[in-house]
Structure formats: C-alpha cells, structure tokens
C-alpha cells in the first residue's frame, strides 16, 4: 500500500462533487436559519470541523498532508462557487 502522504495534493484530495452538492442541499436550511450567508456557514463549518467533510474525499482528514488540508478549503470554496452560493466576478 502506498503511503498516502507521498501522493500528490490532487491525489490526496480526490473528491466526489455529488456528495458536496448533497451536503449543501441537506444543510442549506440550517444555514438560512442561522441568519448567516450560506457560503460563510459552510466555510465556517469546514474550519471548525474539517474531518466532518471526510465523506466528500477519498481519504480521511487525519491521513492527508497539511498542504492537502489547506487545499480542501479551496475545493469547498470552488464548489460553493459552482453551486451558485458565492457569486462569480465577471
């Protein structure tokens, strides 16, 4: 078995966009009830409990490198943009 930390950041962060979309769909109402911006709600949730997002990725949070962990937040932000929760600048 290959050492996970020897994989590239991209390989450590193989993700399933359908799982992200489902999480957004299932939890959007909680974000709206919190009177917080939906995107801010999900980003804050990730920052407070990044391991809670493990279902979106092939490897668990504690198995990946520090750089891969930082990239996971960027992936989350890009998914929020692609789902329309963060407007794109023209």
PDB file of N, CA and C in Angstrom:
ATOM      1  N   UNK A   1       0.841  -1.185   0.000  1.00  0.00           N
ATOM      2  CA  UNK A   1       0.000   0.000   0.000  1.00  0.00           C
ATOM      3  C   UNK A   1       0.882   1.243   0.000  1.00  0.00           C
ATOM      4  N   UNK A   2       0.518   2.195  -0.809  1.00  0.00           N
ATOM      5  CA  UNK A   2       1.265   3.429  -0.954  1.00  0.00           C
ATOM      6  C   UNK A   2       1.028   4.338   0.251  1.00  0.00           C
ATOM      7  N   UNK A   3       2.077   5.025   0.698  1.00  0.00           N
ATOM      8  CA  UNK A   3       1.944   5.991   1.777  1.00  0.00           C
ATOM      9  C   UNK A   3       1.114   7.163   1.261  1.00  0.00           C
ATOM     10  N   UNK A   4       0.024   7.443   1.934  1.00  0.00           N
ATOM     11  CA  UNK A   4      -0.888   8.494   1.483  1.00  0.00           C
ATOM     12  C   UNK A   4      -0.176   9.836   1.390  1.00  0.00           C
ATOM     13  N   UNK A   5       0.688  10.137   2.332  1.00  0.00           N
ATOM     14  CA  UNK A   5       1.367  11.421   2.335  1.00  0.00           C
ATOM     15  C   UNK A   5       2.332  11.583   1.167  1.00  0.00           C
ATOM     16  N   UNK A   6       2.710  10.492   0.509  1.00  0.00           N
ATOM     17  CA  UNK A   6       3.587  10.596  -0.654  1.00  0.00           C
ATOM     18  C   UNK A   6       2.797  10.884  -1.937  1.00  0.00           C
ATOM     19  N   UNK A   7       1.478  10.832  -1.861  1.00  0.00           N
ATOM     20  CA  UNK A   7       0.651  11.145  -3.021  1.00  0.00           C
ATOM     21  C   UNK A   7       0.649  12.649  -3.259  1.00  0.00           C
ATOM     22  N   UNK A   8       0.344  13.069  -4.462  1.00  0.00           N
ATOM     23  CA  UNK A   8       0.246  14.499  -4.753  1.00  0.00           C
ATOM     24  C   UNK A   8      -0.952  15.075  -3.996  1.00  0.00           C
ATOM     25  N   UNK A   9      -0.971  16.389  -3.885  1.00  0.00           N
ATOM     26  CA  UNK A   9      -2.101  17.047  -3.214  1.00  0.00           C
ATOM     27  C   UNK A   9      -3.400  16.711  -3.934  1.00  0.00           C
ATOM     28  N   UNK A  10      -3.364  16.675  -5.260  1.00  0.00           N
ATOM     29  CA  UNK A  10      -4.561  16.343  -6.030  1.00  0.00           C
ATOM     30  C   UNK A  10      -5.041  14.929  -5.704  1.00  0.00           C
ATOM     31  N   UNK A  11      -4.095  13.998  -5.603  1.00  0.00           N
ATOM     32  CA  UNK A  11      -4.473  12.611  -5.287  1.00  0.00           C
ATOM     33  C   UNK A  11      -5.007  12.496  -3.862  1.00  0.00           C
ATOM     34  N   UNK A  12      -4.428  13.256  -2.930  1.00  0.00           N
ATOM     35  CA  UNK A  12      -4.906  13.223  -1.555  1.00  0.00           C
ATOM     36  C   UNK A  12      -6.305  13.812  -1.440  1.00  0.00           C
ATOM     37  N   UNK A  13      -6.668  14.649  -2.394  1.00  0.00           N
ATOM     38  CA  UNK A  13      -7.944  15.343  -2.335  1.00  0.00           C
ATOM     39  C   UNK A  13      -8.913  14.911  -3.428  1.00  0.00           C
ATOM     40  N   UNK A  14      -8.829  13.649  -3.846  1.00  0.00           N
ATOM     41  CA  UNK A  14      -9.845  13.142  -4.763  1.00  0.00           C
ATOM     42  C   UNK A  14     -11.189  13.300  -4.075  1.00  0.00           C
ATOM     43  N   UNK A  15     -12.129  13.952  -4.749  1.00  0.00           N
ATOM     44  CA  UNK A  15     -13.409  14.225  -4.110  1.00  0.00           C
ATOM     45  C   UNK A  15     -14.575  13.891  -5.022  1.00  0.00           C
ATOM     46  N   UNK A  16     -15.726  13.787  -4.396  1.00  0.00           N
ATOM     47  CA  UNK A  16     -16.961  13.470  -5.102  1.00  0.00           C
ATOM     48  C   UNK A  16     -17.859  14.696  -5.046  1.00  0.00           C
ATOM     49  N   UNK A  17     -18.021  15.376  -6.174  1.00  0.00           N
ATOM     50  CA  UNK A  17     -18.817  16.614  -6.195  1.00  0.00           C
ATOM     51  C   UNK A  17     -20.281  16.351  -5.856  1.00  0.00           C
ATOM     52  N   UNK A  18     -20.778  15.161  -6.138  1.00  0.00           N
ATOM     53  CA  UNK A  18     -22.171  14.834  -5.803  1.00  0.00           C
ATOM     54  C   UNK A  18     -22.396  14.843  -4.293  1.00  0.00           C
ATOM     55  N   UNK A  19     -21.384  14.410  -3.538  1.00  0.00           N
ATOM     56  CA  UNK A  19     -21.503  14.416  -2.077  1.00  0.00           C
ATOM     57  C   UNK A  19     -21.528  15.862  -1.576  1.00  0.00           C
ATOM     58  N   UNK A  20     -20.673  16.722  -2.134  1.00  0.00           N
ATOM     59  CA  UNK A  20     -20.702  18.133  -1.766  1.00  0.00           C
ATOM     60  C   UNK A  20     -22.091  18.715  -2.030  1.00  0.00           C
ATOM     61  N   UNK A  21     -22.606  18.480  -3.211  1.00  0.00           N
ATOM     62  CA  UNK A  21     -23.911  19.019  -3.589  1.00  0.00           C
ATOM     63  C   UNK A  21     -25.003  18.527  -2.644  1.00  0.00           C
ATOM     64  N   UNK A  22     -24.940  17.254  -2.264  1.00  0.00           N
ATOM     65  CA  UNK A  22     -25.925  16.701  -1.341  1.00  0.00           C
ATOM     66  C   UNK A  22     -25.818  17.346   0.040  1.00  0.00           C
ATOM     67  N   UNK A  23     -24.595  17.557   0.517  1.00  0.00           N
ATOM     68  CA  UNK A  23     -24.385  18.216   1.808  1.00  0.00           C
ATOM     69  C   UNK A  23     -24.952  19.632   1.762  1.00  0.00           C
ATOM     70  N   UNK A  24     -24.685  20.357   0.676  1.00  0.00           N
ATOM     71  CA  UNK A  24     -25.221  21.710   0.547  1.00  0.00           C
ATOM     72  C   UNK A  24     -26.741  21.680   0.571  1.00  0.00           C
ATOM     73  N   UNK A  25     -27.321  20.772  -0.179  1.00  0.00           N
ATOM     74  CA  UNK A  25     -28.771  20.661  -0.259  1.00  0.00           C
ATOM     75  C   UNK A  25     -29.390  20.301   1.089  1.00  0.00           C
ATOM     76  N   UNK A  26     -28.787  19.326   1.769  1.00  0.00           N
ATOM     77  CA  UNK A  26     -29.320  18.855   3.047  1.00  0.00           C
ATOM     78  C   UNK A  26     -29.198  19.887   4.167  1.00  0.00           C
ATOM     79  N   UNK A  27     -28.211  20.758   4.072  1.00  0.00           N
ATOM     80  CA  UNK A  27     -27.923  21.664   5.188  1.00  0.00           C
ATOM     81  C   UNK A  27     -28.176  23.137   4.893  1.00  0.00           C
ATOM     82  N   UNK A  28     -28.657  23.446   3.704  1.00  0.00           N
ATOM     83  CA  UNK A  28     -28.906  24.845   3.336  1.00  0.00           C
ATOM     84  C   UNK A  28     -29.910  25.488   4.283  1.00  0.00           C
ATOM     85  N   UNK A  29     -30.909  24.751   4.699  1.00  0.00           N
ATOM     86  CA  UNK A  29     -31.926  25.326   5.588  1.00  0.00           C
ATOM     87  C   UNK A  29     -31.318  25.739   6.933  1.00  0.00           C
ATOM     88  N   UNK A  30     -30.360  24.967   7.436  1.00  0.00           N
ATOM     89  CA  UNK A  30     -29.681  25.329   8.688  1.00  0.00           C
ATOM     90  C   UNK A  30     -28.904  26.630   8.519  1.00  0.00           C
ATOM     91  N   UNK A  31     -28.270  26.767   7.374  1.00  0.00           N
ATOM     92  CA  UNK A  31     -27.512  27.986   7.097  1.00  0.00           C
ATOM     93  C   UNK A  31     -28.455  29.189   7.041  1.00  0.00           C
ATOM     94  N   UNK A  32     -29.590  29.021   6.382  1.00  0.00           N
ATOM     95  CA  UNK A  32     -30.550  30.117   6.267  1.00  0.00           C
ATOM     96  C   UNK A  32     -31.145  30.478   7.621  1.00  0.00           C
ATOM     97  N   UNK A  33     -31.405  29.488   8.459  1.00  0.00           N
ATOM     98  CA  UNK A  33     -31.951  29.740   9.791  1.00  0.00           C
ATOM     99  C   UNK A  33     -30.957  30.454  10.692  1.00  0.00           C
ATOM    100  N   UNK A  34     -29.681  30.303  10.416  1.00  0.00           N
ATOM    101  CA  UNK A  34     -28.648  30.920  11.246  1.00  0.00           C
ATOM    102  C   UNK A  34     -28.472  32.404  10.941  1.00  0.00           C
ATOM    103  N   UNK A  35     -29.179  32.909   9.950  1.00  0.00           N
ATOM    104  CA  UNK A  35     -29.051  34.293   9.501  1.00  0.00           C
ATOM    105  C   UNK A  35     -27.636  34.612   9.023  1.00  0.00           C
ATOM    106  N   UNK A  36     -26.907  33.581   8.664  1.00  0.00           N
ATOM    107  CA  UNK A  36     -25.550  33.718   8.157  1.00  0.00           C
ATOM    108  C   UNK A  36     -25.595  33.481   6.651  1.00  0.00           C
ATOM    109  N   UNK A  37     -24.708  34.118   5.927  1.00  0.00           N
ATOM    110  CA  UNK A  37     -24.583  33.846   4.498  1.00  0.00           C
ATOM    111  C   UNK A  37     -24.348  32.348   4.324  1.00  0.00           C
ATOM    112  N   UNK A  38     -25.012  31.735   3.365  1.00  0.00           N
ATOM    113  CA  UNK A  38     -24.928  30.289   3.170  1.00  0.00           C
ATOM    114  C   UNK A  38     -23.480  29.843   2.956  1.00  0.00           C
ATOM    115  N   UNK A  39     -22.756  30.537   2.106  1.00  0.00           N
ATOM    116  CA  UNK A  39     -21.364  30.164   1.846  1.00  0.00           C
ATOM    117  C   UNK A  39     -20.523  30.304   3.113  1.00  0.00           C
ATOM    118  N   UNK A  40     -20.717  31.397   3.845  1.00  0.00           N
ATOM    119  CA  UNK A  40     -19.971  31.601   5.096  1.00  0.00           C
ATOM    120  C   UNK A  40     -20.282  30.495   6.100  1.00  0.00           C
ATOM    121  N   UNK A  41     -21.527  30.067   6.133  1.00  0.00           N
ATOM    122  CA  UNK A  41     -21.936  28.988   7.040  1.00  0.00           C
ATOM    123  C   UNK A  41     -21.140  27.709   6.755  1.00  0.00           C
ATOM    124  N   UNK A  42     -21.065  27.328   5.476  1.00  0.00           N
ATOM    125  CA  UNK A  42     -20.359  26.097   5.114  1.00  0.00           C
ATOM    126  C   UNK A  42     -18.846  26.225   5.319  1.00  0.00           C
ATOM    127  N   UNK A  43     -18.291  27.385   5.001  1.00  0.00           N
ATOM    128  CA  UNK A  43     -16.851  27.596   5.207  1.00  0.00           C
ATOM    129  C   UNK A  43     -16.529  27.547   6.699  1.00  0.00           C
ATOM    130  N   UNK A  44     -17.344  28.200   7.514  1.00  0.00           N
ATOM    131  CA  UNK A  44     -17.131  28.169   8.965  1.00  0.00           C
ATOM    132  C   UNK A  44     -17.244  26.744   9.489  1.00  0.00           C
ATOM    133  N   UNK A  45     -18.238  26.003   8.983  1.00  0.00           N
ATOM    134  CA  UNK A  45     -18.401  24.612   9.405  1.00  0.00           C
ATOM    135  C   UNK A  45     -17.149  23.804   9.067  1.00  0.00           C
ATOM    136  N   UNK A  46     -16.621  24.008   7.879  1.00  0.00           N
ATOM    137  CA  UNK A  46     -15.399  23.296   7.487  1.00  0.00           C
ATOM    138  C   UNK A  46     -14.236  23.681   8.395  1.00  0.00           C
ATOM    139  N   UNK A  47     -14.081  24.973   8.656  1.00  0.00           N
ATOM    140  CA  UNK A  47     -12.967  25.423   9.502  1.00  0.00           C
ATOM    141  C   UNK A  47     -13.069  24.860  10.915  1.00  0.00           C
ATOM    142  N   UNK A  48     -14.295  24.763  11.444  1.00  0.00           N
ATOM    143  CA  UNK A  48     -14.487  24.260  12.806  1.00  0.00           C
ATOM    144  C   UNK A  48     -14.360  22.745  12.896  1.00  0.00           C
ATOM    145  N   UNK A  49     -14.751  22.042  11.830  1.00  0.00           N
ATOM    146  CA  UNK A  49     -14.740  20.581  11.875  1.00  0.00           C
ATOM    147  C   UNK A  49     -14.436  19.999  10.492  1.00  0.00           C
ATOM    148  N   UNK A  50     -13.203  20.172  10.002  1.00  0.00           N
ATOM    149  CA  UNK A  50     -12.869  19.704   8.654  1.00  0.00           C
ATOM    150  C   UNK A  50     -13.021  18.198   8.480  1.00  0.00           C
ATOM    151  N   UNK A  51     -12.821  17.448   9.557  1.00  0.00           N
ATOM    152  CA  UNK A  51     -12.976  15.994   9.451  1.00  0.00           C
ATOM    153  C   UNK A  51     -14.425  15.604   9.189  1.00  0.00           C
ATOM    154  N   UNK A  52     -15.357  16.489   9.483  1.00  0.00           N
ATOM    155  CA  UNK A  52     -16.770  16.238   9.196  1.00  0.00           C
ATOM    156  C   UNK A  52     -17.070  16.204   7.705  1.00  0.00           C
ATOM    157  N   UNK A  53     -16.145  16.669   6.896  1.00  0.00           N
ATOM    158  CA  UNK A  53     -16.303  16.681   5.446  1.00  0.00           C
ATOM    159  C   UNK A  53     -15.600  15.502   4.787  1.00  0.00           C
ATOM    160  N   UNK A  54     -15.109  14.548   5.574  1.00  0.00           N
ATOM    161  CA  UNK A  54     -14.380  13.400   5.037  1.00  0.00           C
ATOM    162  C   UNK A  54     -15.178  12.625   3.992  1.00  0.00           C
ATOM    163  N   UNK A  55     -16.482  12.602   4.116  1.00  0.00           N
ATOM    164  CA  UNK A  55     -17.307  11.847   3.168  1.00  0.00           C
ATOM    165  C   UNK A  55     -17.135  12.353   1.732  1.00  0.00           C
ATOM    166  N   UNK A  56     -16.705  13.585   1.594  1.00  0.00           N
ATOM    167  CA  UNK A  56     -16.518  14.176   0.270  1.00  0.00           C
ATOM    168  C   UNK A  56     -15.208  13.755  -0.387  1.00  0.00           C
ATOM    169  N   UNK A  57     -14.291  13.238   0.418  1.00  0.00           N
ATOM    170  CA  UNK A  57     -12.948  12.948  -0.068  1.00  0.00           C
ATOM    171  C   UNK A  57     -12.619  11.470   0.075  1.00  0.00           C
ATOM    172  N   UNK A  58     -11.698  11.016  -0.762  1.00  0.00           N
ATOM    173  CA  UNK A  58     -11.295   9.611  -0.742  1.00  0.00           C
ATOM    174  C   UNK A  58     -10.569   9.245   0.548  1.00  0.00           C
ATOM    175  N   UNK A  59      -9.773  10.181   1.079  1.00  0.00           N
ATOM    176  CA  UNK A  59      -9.001   9.905   2.285  1.00  0.00           C
ATOM    177  C   UNK A  59      -9.538  10.743   3.445  1.00  0.00           C
ATOM    178  N   UNK A  60      -9.397  10.226   4.664  1.00  0.00           N
ATOM    179  CA  UNK A  60      -9.868  10.974   5.824  1.00  0.00           C
ATOM    180  C   UNK A  60      -8.926  12.137   6.109  1.00  0.00           C
ATOM    181  N   UNK A  61      -9.445  13.112   6.820  1.00  0.00           N
ATOM    182  CA  UNK A  61      -8.720  14.359   7.076  1.00  0.00           C
ATOM    183  C   UNK A  61      -7.401  14.118   7.800  1.00  0.00           C
ATOM    184  N   UNK A  62      -7.372  13.198   8.739  1.00  0.00           N
ATOM    185  CA  UNK A  62      -6.148  12.991   9.512  1.00  0.00           C
ATOM    186  C   UNK A  62      -5.080  12.199   8.751  1.00  0.00           C
ATOM    187  N   UNK A  63      -5.396  11.720   7.565  1.00  0.00           N
ATOM    188  CA  UNK A  63      -4.429  10.959   6.769  1.00  0.00           C
ATOM    189  C   UNK A  63      -3.700  11.813   5.734  1.00  0.00           C
ATOM    190  N   UNK A  64      -4.136  13.037   5.506  1.00  0.00           N
ATOM    191  CA  UNK A  64      -3.566  13.844   4.428  1.00  0.00           C
ATOM    192  C   UNK A  64      -2.603  14.887   4.973  1.00  0.00           C
ATOM    193  N   UNK A  65      -1.758  15.411   4.088  1.00  0.00           N
ATOM    194  CA  UNK A  65      -0.742  16.387   4.464  1.00  0.00           C
ATOM    195  C   UNK A  65      -1.368  17.739   4.802  1.00  0.00           C
ATOM    196  N   UNK A  66      -0.583  18.578   5.420  1.00  0.00           N
ATOM    197  CA  UNK A  66      -1.036  19.924   5.773  1.00  0.00           C
ATOM    198  C   UNK A  66      -1.432  20.709   4.530  1.00  0.00           C
ATOM    199  N   UNK A  67      -0.633  20.607   3.469  1.00  0.00           N
ATOM    200  CA  UNK A  67      -0.962  21.321   2.230  1.00  0.00           C
ATOM    201  C   UNK A  67      -2.262  20.800   1.630  1.00  0.00           C
ATOM    202  N   UNK A  68      -2.474  19.506   1.713  1.00  0.00           N
ATOM    203  CA  UNK A  68      -3.714  18.933   1.195  1.00  0.00           C
ATOM    204  C   UNK A  68      -4.903  19.415   2.015  1.00  0.00           C
ATOM    205  N   UNK A  69      -4.718  19.562   3.311  1.00  0.00           N
ATOM    206  CA  UNK A  69      -5.793  20.065   4.175  1.00  0.00           C
ATOM    207  C   UNK A  69      -6.149  21.501   3.793  1.00  0.00           C
ATOM    208  N   UNK A  70      -5.134  22.314   3.515  1.00  0.00           N
ATOM    209  CA  UNK A  70      -5.381  23.691   3.103  1.00  0.00           C
ATOM    210  C   UNK A  70      -6.122  23.724   1.764  1.00  0.00           C
ATOM    211  N   UNK A  71      -5.756  22.828   0.876  1.00  0.00           N
ATOM    212  CA  UNK A  71      -6.394  22.780  -0.441  1.00  0.00           C
ATOM    213  C   UNK A  71      -7.857  22.355  -0.337  1.00  0.00           C
ATOM    214  N   UNK A  72      -8.214  21.577   0.674  1.00  0.00           N
ATOM    215  CA  UNK A  72      -9.606  21.152   0.831  1.00  0.00           C
ATOM    216  C   UNK A  72     -10.531  22.344   1.034  1.00  0.00           C
ATOM    217  N   UNK A  73     -10.086  23.349   1.743  1.00  0.00           N
ATOM    218  CA  UNK A  73     -10.904  24.558   1.914  1.00  0.00           C
ATOM    219  C   UNK A  73     -11.096  25.234   0.557  1.00  0.00           C
ATOM    220  N   UNK A  74     -10.028  25.284  -0.253  1.00  0.00           N
ATOM    221  CA  UNK A  74     -10.146  25.868  -1.591  1.00  0.00           C
ATOM    222  C   UNK A  74     -11.128  25.082  -2.444  1.00  0.00           C
ATOM    223  N   UNK A  75     -11.109  23.762  -2.318  1.00  0.00           N
ATOM    224  CA  UNK A  75     -12.055  22.925  -3.067  1.00  0.00           C
ATOM    225  C   UNK A  75     -13.478  23.243  -2.628  1.00  0.00           C
ATOM    226  N   UNK A  76     -13.692  23.365  -1.315  1.00  0.00           N
ATOM    227  CA  UNK A  76     -15.007  23.717  -0.802  1.00  0.00           C
ATOM    228  C   UNK A  76     -15.470  25.056  -1.371  1.00  0.00           C
ATOM    229  N   UNK A  77     -14.592  26.044  -1.367  1.00  0.00           N
ATOM    230  CA  UNK A  77     -14.952  27.363  -1.904  1.00  0.00           C
ATOM    231  C   UNK A  77     -15.288  27.269  -3.379  1.00  0.00           C
ATOM    232  N   UNK A  78     -14.501  26.518  -4.148  1.00  0.00           N
ATOM    233  CA  UNK A  78     -14.795  26.346  -5.579  1.00  0.00           C
ATOM    234  C   UNK A  78     -16.130  25.646  -5.801  1.00  0.00           C
ATOM    235  N   UNK A  79     -16.456  24.682  -4.942  1.00  0.00           N
ATOM    236  CA  UNK A  79     -17.752  24.003  -5.055  1.00  0.00           C
ATOM    237  C   UNK A  79     -18.896  24.967  -4.716  1.00  0.00           C
ATOM    238  N   UNK A  80     -18.699  25.828  -3.726  1.00  0.00           N
ATOM    239  CA  UNK A  80     -19.710  26.827  -3.390  1.00  0.00           C
ATOM    240  C   UNK A  80     -19.929  27.789  -4.551  1.00  0.00           C
ATOM    241  N   UNK A  81     -18.853  28.140  -5.233  1.00  0.00           N
ATOM    242  CA  UNK A  81     -18.968  28.999  -6.417  1.00  0.00           C
ATOM    243  C   UNK A  81     -19.744  28.269  -7.508  1.00  0.00           C
ATOM    244  N   UNK A  82     -19.369  27.017  -7.765  1.00  0.00           N
ATOM    245  CA  UNK A  82     -20.018  26.275  -8.858  1.00  0.00           C
ATOM    246  C   UNK A  82     -21.493  25.997  -8.572  1.00  0.00           C
ATOM    247  N   UNK A  83     -21.864  25.938  -7.298  1.00  0.00           N
ATOM    248  CA  UNK A  83     -23.277  25.713  -6.929  1.00  0.00           C
ATOM    249  C   UNK A  83     -24.048  27.029  -6.820  1.00  0.00           C
ATOM    250  N   UNK A  84     -23.361  28.159  -7.021  1.00  0.00           N
ATOM    251  CA  UNK A  84     -24.033  29.453  -7.011  1.00  0.00           C
ATOM    252  C   UNK A  84     -24.153  30.087  -5.638  1.00  0.00           C
ATOM    253  N   UNK A  85     -23.523  29.545  -4.622  1.00  0.00           N
ATOM    254  CA  UNK A  85     -23.592  30.137  -3.287  1.00  0.00           C
ATOM    255  C   UNK A  85     -22.644  31.319  -3.131  1.00  0.00           C
ATOM    256  N   UNK A  86     -21.618  31.376  -3.954  1.00  0.00           N
ATOM    257  CA  UNK A  86     -20.697  32.512  -3.999  1.00  0.00           C
ATOM    258  C   UNK A  86     -20.732  33.041  -5.421  1.00  0.00           C
ATOM    259  N   UNK A  87     -21.127  34.298  -5.581  1.00  0.00           N
ATOM    260  CA  UNK A  87     -21.205  34.833  -6.952  1.00  0.00           C
ATOM    261  C   UNK A  87     -19.827  34.958  -7.588  1.00  0.00           C
ATOM    262  N   UNK A  88     -19.780  34.703  -8.875  1.00  0.00           N
ATOM    263  CA  UNK A  88     -18.533  34.837  -9.626  1.00  0.00           C
ATOM    264  C   UNK A  88     -18.401  36.272 -10.074  1.00  0.00           C
ATOM    265  N   UNK A  89     -17.161  36.751 -10.063  1.00  0.00           N
ATOM    266  CA  UNK A  89     -16.904  38.097 -10.583  1.00  0.00           C
ATOM    267  C   UNK A  89     -16.736  37.999 -12.078  1.00  0.00           C
ATOM    268  N   UNK A  90     -17.258  38.972 -12.777  1.00  0.00           N
ATOM    269  CA  UNK A  90     -17.144  38.990 -14.238  1.00  0.00           C
ATOM    270  C   UNK A  90     -15.788  39.449 -14.682  1.00  0.00           C
TER     271      UNK A  90
END
